[in-house]
Protein backbone atom coordinates (compact mmCIF):
# COMPACT_ATOMS: atom_id res chain seq x y z
CA UNK A 1 -33.35 -17.30 22.87
CA UNK A 2 -30.47 -17.32 24.85
CA UNK A 3 -27.61 -15.81 23.22
CA UNK A 4 -24.10 -15.74 24.26
CA UNK A 5 -21.43 -13.63 22.56
CA UNK A 6 -17.54 -14.45 23.35
CA UNK A 7 -15.33 -11.52 23.34
CA UNK A 8 -16.01 -7.53 24.99
CA UNK A 9 -14.25 -6.32 22.79
CA UNK A 10 -16.26 -3.83 20.31
CA UNK A 11 -17.65 -6.08 18.29
CA UNK A 12 -18.75 -8.39 21.21
CA UNK A 13 -19.90 -4.94 22.67
CA UNK A 14 -22.11 -4.31 19.52
CA UNK A 15 -23.29 -7.69 19.69
CA UNK A 16 -24.96 -7.74 22.85
CA UNK A 17 -26.35 -4.69 22.75
CA UNK A 18 -27.78 -4.80 19.72
CA UNK A 19 -29.28 -8.58 20.92
CA UNK A 20 -30.80 -7.24 24.17
CA UNK A 21 -31.96 -4.69 22.43
CA UNK A 22 -33.87 -7.48 20.10
CA UNK A 23 -35.26 -9.16 23.26
CA UNK A 24 -33.15 -11.99 23.78
CA UNK A 25 -31.77 -13.28 26.60
CA UNK A 26 -27.19 -12.44 26.43
CA UNK A 27 -24.56 -13.54 28.20
CA UNK A 28 -21.20 -12.13 27.56
CA UNK A 29 -18.12 -13.92 28.28
CA UNK A 30 -15.23 -11.84 28.47
CA UNK A 31 -11.50 -13.41 29.11
CA UNK A 32 -10.16 -10.46 31.02
CA UNK A 33 -11.06 -8.77 34.03
CA UNK A 34 -12.30 -5.75 31.59
CA UNK A 35 -14.21 -4.88 28.70
CA UNK A 36 -13.10 -2.85 25.79
CA UNK A 37 -10.99 -4.54 23.81
CA UNK A 38 -8.61 -2.28 22.01
CA UNK A 39 -10.39 0.68 22.71
CA UNK A 40 -9.87 2.10 26.58
CA UNK A 41 -8.53 4.07 29.22
CA UNK A 42 -5.93 2.47 31.25
CA UNK A 43 -4.79 4.68 34.46
CA UNK A 44 -1.18 6.31 34.90
CA UNK A 45 -0.58 6.59 38.93
CA UNK A 46 2.92 8.55 38.44
CA UNK A 47 0.73 11.42 37.36
CA UNK A 48 -2.72 10.71 38.72
CA UNK A 49 -4.51 10.24 35.80
CA UNK A 50 -6.89 7.74 33.34
CA UNK A 51 -5.53 8.82 29.35
CA UNK A 52 -6.78 6.47 26.25
CA UNK A 53 -4.41 3.50 25.32
CA UNK A 54 -4.11 6.07 22.12
CA UNK A 55 -5.67 8.46 20.01
CA UNK A 56 -8.69 6.92 18.33
CA UNK A 57 -10.13 8.86 15.55
CA UNK A 58 -13.00 8.30 13.50
CA UNK A 59 -14.45 8.77 10.30
CA UNK A 60 -18.40 10.64 9.58
CA UNK A 61 -19.04 7.86 7.06
CA UNK A 62 -18.61 5.56 10.16
CA UNK A 63 -22.38 4.66 9.86
CA UNK A 64 -22.48 1.20 12.32
CA UNK A 65 -20.42 2.84 14.96
CA UNK A 66 -22.54 5.91 15.05
CA UNK A 67 -25.57 3.62 15.42
CA UNK A 68 -23.69 1.89 18.17
CA UNK A 69 -22.98 4.96 19.95
CA UNK A 70 -26.38 5.85 19.66
CA UNK A 71 -27.73 2.32 21.69
CA UNK A 72 -25.44 3.29 24.23
CA UNK A 73 -25.96 6.93 24.43
CA UNK A 74 -23.17 8.83 23.85
CA UNK A 75 -23.06 9.54 20.50
CA UNK A 76 -22.73 13.33 21.21
CA UNK A 77 -19.44 12.84 22.61
CA UNK A 78 -17.90 12.89 19.38
CA UNK A 79 -16.81 15.86 17.78
CA UNK A 80 -16.53 16.61 13.96
CA UNK A 81 -14.47 19.90 13.28
CA UNK A 82 -14.10 19.18 9.77
CA UNK A 83 -10.23 19.43 9.49
CA UNK A 84 -6.76 18.87 11.20
CA UNK A 85 -3.46 20.29 9.98
CA UNK A 86 -0.36 19.41 8.38
CA UNK A 87 2.81 20.57 10.58
CA UNK A 88 5.87 21.08 8.33
CA UNK A 89 9.62 20.49 10.61
CA UNK A 90 10.13 24.60 11.57
CA UNK A 91 6.66 24.76 12.82
CA UNK A 92 5.08 25.99 9.56
CA UNK A 93 1.19 25.09 9.24
CA UNK A 94 -1.44 24.09 6.02
CA UNK A 95 -5.01 23.24 7.34
CA UNK A 96 -6.46 20.24 5.72
CA UNK A 97 -9.70 18.63 4.54
CA UNK A 98 -11.49 16.76 2.07
CA UNK A 99 -14.28 19.32 0.93
CA UNK A 100 -14.42 22.99 0.59
CA UNK A 101 -11.19 25.47 -0.72
CA UNK A 102 -8.80 22.78 0.96
CA UNK A 103 -9.97 19.87 -0.79
CA UNK A 104 -9.87 21.70 -3.95
CA UNK A 105 -6.33 22.55 -3.76
CA UNK A 106 -5.46 19.15 -2.81
CA UNK A 107 -7.50 17.51 -5.85
CA UNK A 108 -5.27 19.94 -8.05
CA UNK A 109 -1.96 18.77 -6.71
CA UNK A 110 -1.64 21.80 -4.33
CA UNK A 111 -0.15 19.76 -1.41
CA UNK A 112 2.74 20.95 1.36
CA UNK A 113 6.13 20.49 0.36
CA UNK A 114 4.64 20.19 -3.96
CA UNK A 115 6.21 22.32 -5.99
CA UNK A 116 6.15 23.15 -10.11
CA UNK A 117 5.57 20.48 -12.10
CA UNK A 118 4.71 18.13 -9.57
CA UNK A 119 1.28 19.56 -8.46
CA UNK A 120 0.00 18.88 -12.58
CA UNK A 121 1.74 15.09 -12.28
CA UNK A 122 0.29 14.62 -8.38
CA UNK A 123 -2.93 15.83 -10.22
CA UNK A 124 -3.31 13.45 -13.11
CA UNK A 125 -1.94 10.65 -10.93
CA UNK A 126 -4.49 11.30 -8.44
CA UNK A 127 -7.02 11.69 -11.23
CA UNK A 128 -6.12 8.12 -12.13
CA UNK A 129 -6.33 6.38 -8.61
CA UNK A 130 -9.71 7.54 -8.37
CA UNK A 131 -10.59 6.22 -11.37
CA UNK A 132 -8.58 2.79 -10.92
CA UNK A 133 -10.06 2.83 -7.43
CA UNK A 134 -13.68 2.95 -8.55
CA UNK A 135 -12.76 0.88 -11.98
CA UNK A 136 -10.57 -1.75 -10.13
CA UNK A 137 -8.24 -3.51 -12.52
CA UNK A 138 -7.95 -7.35 -11.99
CA UNK A 139 -4.25 -7.04 -10.87
CA UNK A 140 -4.81 -4.63 -7.76
CA UNK A 141 -5.05 -7.06 -5.44
CA UNK A 142 -1.62 -8.61 -6.48
CA UNK A 143 0.39 -5.19 -5.44
CA UNK A 144 1.15 -3.33 -2.93
CA UNK A 145 -0.43 0.01 -2.49
CA UNK A 146 3.67 1.21 -3.01
CA UNK A 147 4.07 -0.38 -6.55
CA UNK A 148 0.49 1.07 -7.68
CA UNK A 149 1.79 4.96 -6.26
CA UNK A 150 4.50 4.29 -8.73
CA UNK A 151 2.89 2.59 -11.75
CA UNK A 152 0.65 6.12 -11.55
CA UNK A 153 3.94 7.92 -11.36
CA UNK A 154 2.50 9.88 -8.42
CA UNK A 155 5.54 12.12 -7.12
CA UNK A 156 7.68 10.81 -4.25
CA UNK A 157 6.84 14.79 -3.00
CA UNK A 158 2.91 13.98 -2.60
CA UNK A 159 3.52 10.56 -1.19
CA UNK A 160 5.46 12.04 1.57
CA UNK A 161 2.53 14.99 1.49
CA UNK A 162 -0.37 12.70 1.33
CA UNK A 163 -0.85 9.82 0.12
CA UNK A 164 1.51 7.48 1.98
CA UNK A 165 -0.20 8.84 4.88
CA UNK A 166 -3.50 8.00 4.06
CA UNK A 167 -2.63 4.18 3.43
CA UNK A 168 -1.05 4.08 6.59
CA UNK A 169 -4.17 5.88 8.17
CA UNK A 170 -6.70 3.55 6.53
CA UNK A 171 -4.98 0.38 6.80
CA UNK A 172 -2.74 0.76 9.81
CA UNK A 173 0.06 -0.84 7.75
CA UNK A 174 2.83 0.69 5.00
CA UNK A 175 2.45 1.04 1.53
CA UNK A 176 5.03 -1.72 1.08
CA UNK A 177 3.01 -4.05 3.49
CA UNK A 178 -0.40 -3.30 2.31
CA UNK A 179 -2.16 -4.90 -0.79
CA UNK A 180 -3.31 -1.78 -3.08
CA UNK A 181 -7.00 -2.86 -3.14
CA UNK A 182 -6.97 -2.29 0.67
CA UNK A 183 -6.91 1.68 0.43
CA UNK A 184 -8.62 1.34 -2.98
CA UNK A 185 -11.66 -0.29 -1.50
CA UNK A 186 -11.95 2.30 1.41
CA UNK A 187 -11.89 4.73 -1.12
CA UNK A 188 -14.66 3.66 -2.26
CA UNK A 189 -16.25 3.26 0.70
CA UNK A 190 -16.01 6.67 1.51
CA UNK A 191 -17.41 7.92 -1.64
CA UNK A 192 -19.90 6.27 -1.48
CA UNK A 193 -20.82 7.22 2.06
CA UNK A 194 -20.40 10.66 0.96
CA UNK A 195 -22.86 10.34 -1.49
CA UNK A 196 -25.11 8.63 0.79
CA UNK A 197 -25.29 11.48 3.07
CA UNK A 198 -24.12 14.47 0.93
CA UNK A 199 -21.78 15.34 3.11
CA UNK A 200 -17.77 15.03 2.63
CA UNK A 201 -15.86 12.73 4.75
CA UNK A 202 -14.24 14.26 7.60
CA UNK A 203 -12.61 13.15 10.63
CA UNK A 204 -13.43 13.47 14.18
CA UNK A 205 -12.64 12.64 17.91
CA UNK A 206 -14.39 11.63 20.76
CA UNK A 207 -14.74 14.48 23.50
CA UNK A 208 -14.18 12.15 26.61
CA UNK A 209 -12.34 8.95 27.57
CA UNK A 210 -12.78 6.05 25.57
CA UNK A 211 -14.47 3.89 28.77
CA UNK A 212 -17.01 6.48 29.13
CA UNK A 213 -17.55 6.49 25.01
CA UNK A 214 -17.39 2.88 24.93
CA UNK A 215 -18.00 0.59 27.77
CA UNK A 216 -19.57 3.05 30.57
CA UNK A 217 -22.99 3.15 28.17
CA UNK A 218 -23.13 -0.78 27.25
CA UNK A 219 -22.81 -1.04 30.97
CA UNK A 220 -26.00 0.11 31.19
CA UNK A 221 -27.92 -1.19 29.06
CA UNK A 222 -26.38 -4.68 29.93
CA UNK A 223 -27.95 -3.74 33.49
CA UNK A 224 -31.14 -2.49 32.36
CA UNK A 225 -31.45 -5.43 29.58
CA UNK A 226 -30.49 -8.14 32.24
CA UNK A 227 -27.34 -8.89 30.26
CA UNK A 228 -24.99 -11.12 31.82
CA UNK A 229 -21.37 -10.14 32.02
CA UNK A 230 -18.56 -13.15 33.37
CA UNK A 231 -15.24 -11.76 33.33
CA UNK A 232 -12.19 -14.16 33.78
CA UNK A 233 -14.30 -16.86 30.96
CA UNK A 234 -11.92 -18.31 29.07
CA UNK A 235 -13.90 -20.62 26.24
CA UNK A 236 -12.08 -23.71 25.18
CA UNK A 237 -15.12 -24.56 22.67
CA UNK A 238 -18.06 -23.84 20.47
CA UNK A 239 -20.25 -26.91 20.80
CA UNK A 240 -22.04 -27.94 17.81
CA UNK A 241 -24.52 -31.46 17.20
CA UNK A 242 -26.20 -32.00 14.17
CA UNK A 243 -25.15 -28.94 12.60
CA UNK A 244 -26.60 -26.49 14.84
CA UNK A 245 -24.43 -24.62 17.98
CA UNK A 246 -25.54 -26.07 21.36
CA UNK A 247 -23.08 -23.61 23.54
CA UNK A 248 -19.56 -23.37 24.50
CA UNK A 249 -17.72 -24.83 26.75
CA UNK A 250 -15.10 -22.87 28.74
CA UNK A 251 -11.29 -23.63 29.78
CA UNK A 252 -12.45 -25.01 33.60
CA UNK A 253 -14.78 -27.45 31.89
CA UNK A 254 -18.52 -25.86 32.61
CA UNK A 255 -20.83 -25.96 29.73
CA UNK A 256 -23.26 -22.92 29.12
CA UNK A 257 -25.67 -24.04 26.81
CA UNK A 258 -26.97 -21.75 24.39
CA UNK A 259 -29.23 -21.56 21.74
CA UNK A 260 -27.49 -18.91 19.54
CA UNK A 261 -23.53 -18.29 19.98
CA UNK A 262 -21.44 -14.71 18.47
CA UNK A 263 -17.93 -15.51 18.19
CA UNK A 264 -16.33 -12.37 18.56
CA UNK A 265 -12.44 -12.61 19.36
CA UNK A 266 -9.62 -10.87 17.89
CA UNK A 267 -8.66 -13.27 14.49
CA UNK A 268 -5.67 -14.04 16.90
CA UNK A 269 -7.45 -15.83 19.15
CA UNK A 270 -9.56 -17.75 17.07
CA UNK A 271 -7.77 -20.91 16.36
CA UNK A 272 -9.23 -23.73 18.40
CA UNK A 273 -12.46 -22.57 19.46
CA UNK A 274 -14.33 -23.57 16.15
CA UNK A 275 -12.79 -27.01 15.53
CA UNK A 276 -16.25 -28.79 15.49
CA UNK A 277 -17.77 -26.22 12.88
CA UNK A 278 -17.34 -27.68 8.94
CA UNK A 279 -14.88 -25.69 6.74
CA UNK A 280 -13.26 -24.50 10.06
CA UNK A 281 -10.03 -24.66 8.32
CA UNK A 282 -10.79 -21.97 6.12
CA UNK A 283 -11.36 -19.33 9.06
CA UNK A 284 -8.79 -20.38 10.66
CA UNK A 285 -6.88 -19.44 7.75
CA UNK A 286 -7.59 -15.91 7.96
CA UNK A 287 -5.20 -15.72 11.12
CA UNK A 288 -2.09 -16.75 9.30
CA UNK A 289 -2.74 -14.34 6.55
CA UNK A 290 -3.76 -11.16 8.20
CA UNK A 291 -0.40 -10.56 10.13
CA UNK A 292 -0.46 -8.06 13.02
CA UNK A 293 0.41 -4.53 12.71
CA UNK A 294 1.76 -2.65 15.45
CA UNK A 295 0.91 0.63 16.91
CA UNK A 296 2.99 2.79 19.41
CA UNK A 297 0.92 5.93 21.21
CA UNK A 298 2.66 7.74 23.99
CA UNK A 299 0.91 10.28 26.71
CA UNK A 300 3.60 13.25 27.07
CA UNK A 301 2.55 15.11 29.84
CA UNK A 302 4.41 18.15 29.76
CA UNK A 303 5.07 21.27 31.83
CA UNK A 304 3.73 23.97 29.06
CA UNK A 305 1.26 24.37 26.15
CA UNK A 306 3.29 23.64 22.45
CA UNK A 307 1.31 25.95 21.07
CA UNK A 308 -0.51 23.27 18.45
CA UNK A 309 -2.72 25.26 15.96
CA UNK A 310 -5.40 22.13 15.71
CA UNK A 311 -6.92 19.81 17.64
CA UNK A 312 -4.62 17.00 15.49
CA UNK A 313 -1.82 17.53 13.54
CA UNK A 314 0.14 15.15 10.85
CA UNK A 315 3.85 15.72 11.07
CA UNK A 316 5.36 15.91 7.46
CA UNK A 317 8.08 13.45 7.39
CA UNK A 318 7.51 12.23 11.13
CA UNK A 319 7.17 8.35 9.59
CA UNK A 320 8.00 6.06 11.71
CA UNK A 321 9.02 8.31 14.69
CA UNK A 322 5.63 10.33 15.55
CA UNK A 323 3.49 10.93 12.82
CA UNK A 324 0.21 12.17 14.81
CA UNK A 325 0.12 14.55 17.58
CA UNK A 326 -3.41 15.14 19.61
CA UNK A 327 -4.11 18.11 21.77
CA UNK A 328 -6.14 16.58 24.59
CA UNK A 329 -6.45 19.91 26.35
CA UNK A 330 -8.51 21.22 23.22
CA UNK A 331 -10.27 18.02 22.38
CA UNK A 332 -11.37 16.82 25.95
CA UNK A 333 -11.84 20.36 27.77
CA UNK A 334 -8.83 19.12 29.87
CA UNK A 335 -7.73 20.93 33.16
CA UNK A 336 -3.88 20.83 32.87
CA UNK A 337 -3.25 21.20 36.30
CA UNK A 338 -1.32 17.87 36.06
CA UNK A 339 0.33 19.12 33.40
CA UNK A 340 -0.62 19.49 29.93
CA UNK A 341 -1.16 16.40 28.02
CA UNK A 342 -0.28 15.77 24.34
CA UNK A 343 -1.10 12.22 22.80
CA UNK A 344 1.22 10.84 19.84
CA UNK A 345 0.57 7.74 17.02
CA UNK A 346 2.87 5.78 15.17
CA UNK A 347 1.28 3.44 13.15
CA UNK A 348 2.72 -0.02 11.49
CA UNK A 349 5.26 1.26 14.60
CA UNK A 350 7.91 -2.17 13.38
CA UNK A 351 10.63 -0.36 14.14
CA UNK A 352 9.83 2.08 17.39
CA UNK A 353 7.93 -0.94 19.40
CA UNK A 354 10.89 -2.56 20.39
CA UNK A 355 12.76 0.57 21.46
CA UNK A 356 12.64 1.15 25.71
CA UNK A 357 10.40 3.64 26.77
CA UNK A 358 13.03 6.04 27.38
CA UNK A 359 14.15 5.85 23.74
CA UNK A 360 10.50 6.29 22.59
CA UNK A 361 9.94 9.02 24.72
CA UNK A 362 13.27 11.30 24.04
CA UNK A 363 12.96 10.39 19.94
CA UNK A 364 9.10 11.93 20.50
CA UNK A 365 10.27 15.06 22.44
CA UNK A 366 13.28 15.59 20.02
CA UNK A 367 10.43 15.15 17.29
CA UNK A 368 8.36 17.68 19.50
CA UNK A 369 11.00 20.10 19.75
CA UNK A 370 11.35 19.92 16.01
CA UNK A 371 8.02 20.70 14.84
CA UNK A 372 6.27 23.32 17.45
CA UNK A 373 8.93 26.19 18.73
CA UNK A 374 6.38 26.10 21.51
CA UNK A 375 8.25 22.72 22.58
CA UNK A 376 12.04 24.15 23.18
CA UNK A 377 11.52 25.18 26.65
CA UNK A 378 8.90 22.34 27.45
CA UNK A 379 9.94 19.56 30.34
CA UNK A 380 8.41 16.23 30.44
CA UNK A 381 6.94 15.25 33.66
CA UNK A 382 5.59 11.91 32.57
CA UNK A 383 6.22 9.84 29.26
CA UNK A 384 3.39 7.13 28.85
CA UNK A 385 4.14 4.35 26.42
CA UNK A 386 1.40 1.86 25.13
CA UNK A 387 2.55 -0.52 23.23
CA UNK A 388 0.19 -2.12 20.86
CA UNK A 389 1.54 -5.31 18.85
CA UNK A 390 -1.96 -6.13 17.69
CA UNK A 391 -3.21 -2.91 17.10
CA UNK A 392 -4.44 -4.17 13.59
CA UNK A 393 -3.82 -6.57 10.78
CA UNK A 394 -2.15 -6.64 7.48
CA UNK A 395 -3.63 -7.34 4.16
CA UNK A 396 -0.98 -8.81 1.73
CA UNK A 397 -0.65 -8.83 -1.96
CA UNK A 398 -3.16 -11.67 -2.37
CA UNK A 399 -5.40 -11.52 0.78
CA UNK A 400 -8.40 -9.43 -0.38
CA UNK A 401 -10.80 -12.86 0.29
CA UNK A 402 -9.35 -14.06 3.43
CA UNK A 403 -11.60 -12.28 5.56
CA UNK A 404 -14.73 -14.85 6.52
CA UNK A 405 -17.91 -13.91 6.24
CA UNK A 406 -20.17 -13.55 9.53
CA UNK A 407 -22.55 -16.40 8.39
CA UNK A 408 -20.93 -19.69 9.48
CA UNK A 409 -22.30 -23.29 8.10
CA UNK A 410 -23.68 -23.72 11.47
CA UNK A 411 -27.41 -23.03 12.28
CA UNK A 412 -27.22 -20.35 15.36
CA UNK A 413 -23.32 -19.27 15.05
CA UNK A 414 -21.84 -16.10 13.65
CA UNK A 415 -18.81 -14.65 14.12
CA UNK A 416 -17.74 -11.34 14.60
CA UNK A 417 -14.57 -8.83 14.56
CA UNK A 418 -12.91 -6.37 12.23
CA UNK A 419 -10.86 -8.76 10.98
CA UNK A 420 -14.28 -10.73 9.27
CA UNK A 421 -15.47 -9.15 6.34
CA UNK A 422 -16.88 -6.04 5.71
CA UNK A 423 -16.66 -2.63 3.82
CA UNK A 424 -13.82 -1.28 6.33
CA UNK A 425 -10.45 -2.44 7.76
CA UNK A 426 -10.15 0.13 10.31
CA UNK A 427 -10.78 -1.01 14.06
CA UNK A 428 -13.81 0.32 15.23
CA UNK A 429 -16.27 1.02 12.04
CA UNK A 430 -15.32 -2.79 10.70
CA UNK A 431 -16.02 -4.44 14.48
CA UNK A 432 -19.44 -2.71 14.21
CA UNK A 433 -20.48 -3.54 10.98
CA UNK A 434 -19.15 -7.20 12.06
CA UNK A 435 -21.94 -7.21 14.43
CA UNK A 436 -24.83 -5.60 12.94
CA UNK A 437 -24.65 -8.34 10.13
CA UNK A 438 -23.68 -11.36 12.92
CA UNK A 439 -26.92 -10.06 14.68
CA UNK A 440 -28.99 -10.22 11.47
CA UNK A 441 -27.59 -13.87 10.50
CA UNK A 442 -28.47 -15.27 14.69
CA UNK A 443 -31.63 -12.74 14.66
CA UNK A 444 -33.14 -15.01 11.20
CA UNK A 445 -31.86 -18.20 12.72
CA UNK A 446 -34.48 -17.12 15.48
CA UNK A 447 -37.89 -16.45 13.47
CA UNK A 448 -36.32 -19.77 11.26
CA UNK A 449 -38.51 -23.25 11.75
CA UNK A 450 -35.72 -24.87 13.28
CA UNK A 451 -37.37 -25.58 17.07
CA UNK A 452 -35.43 -28.43 17.66
CA UNK A 453 -32.40 -26.68 17.21
CA UNK A 454 -33.33 -23.63 20.71
């Protein structure tokens, strides 16, 4: 069976790899000149380096992402230290973890900056939050995460120490924008995966660049399996005849016949592709409701180390300016001959993304010097600002059912992408889970008694 996959991001890569593993002929169409989508490395000529387009971290419960890394032979390049660190202004630190003593202390309300009776109030609010996440009230998708926390009487100090950051980390968006149901669903997914694996969920990171982790191994699979990859191939329409997919038409008018198609483009690129699909208006509506969320990352090349305690640190009170700092020397075993590289991340960077590169870099250097005594004399060799205005999507209240299923009404056509319905809203695991489900749809179709449609 000949399968066409539209889109060379992570969902398209995983779809192509798994279809080829199943023995099918695959053509992958990517509109850009390279693969990887939102998980790529990018050269910086000023320092002769190839950093990533932002730090991507993993949860140990990412089942489908790990399956993809197994398929392309790079799973050994992911490390799970089991902890991160919270850093206060002035330099004080506190190690954070979801299990062990650190996890128990957090459950009892012992969080950085949370004192006195607020610890008891935090423990009570957290217990109620978990109960409501597991047995969700009907109104949960009608309010924001911010309103949910206020109804739970979560102390402001606990929100600043942990819970606002959890919402931003899980959803990519701010608590006053994201539906409360989104972090609740993700917490439940994490709890379920922890029970299945009998291991507390922890955060991990790649020990190599993103191209090596996601793309290079896939390209080897493609070469071995005979997968055809066509760059600069912009699809104009998915073609449907008598309820079955027949192929795709690209913008130069070429028709590429196919027995099956997986459409793995970002939500904001779906419009117009599926005009021949019954019910396409409902699919297109996702692009109207799942509004884009920006992330700003900066690769800071410094002339000296800043003495981080951990591989990754969350800055308490840094929301909107500098929220997370990553030590690339420790994570990648990096040679500092070209400077000490520290990557930073600001999620839901609505205010930051419009500033100039110089302003963003200056603000972040000020924050580093405020939080890291070792950074006070550090000089910036080069600052590489990465803007991703459409890094992920916002799920506002009332949008819980807006994400479409991977299965469509057309035989041989499936959707993939983090924006389709999955257990995760995070880009990487959501993309890979959607690819797994889309491939299942296509493999079921391949085994179905419709020889005239193939």
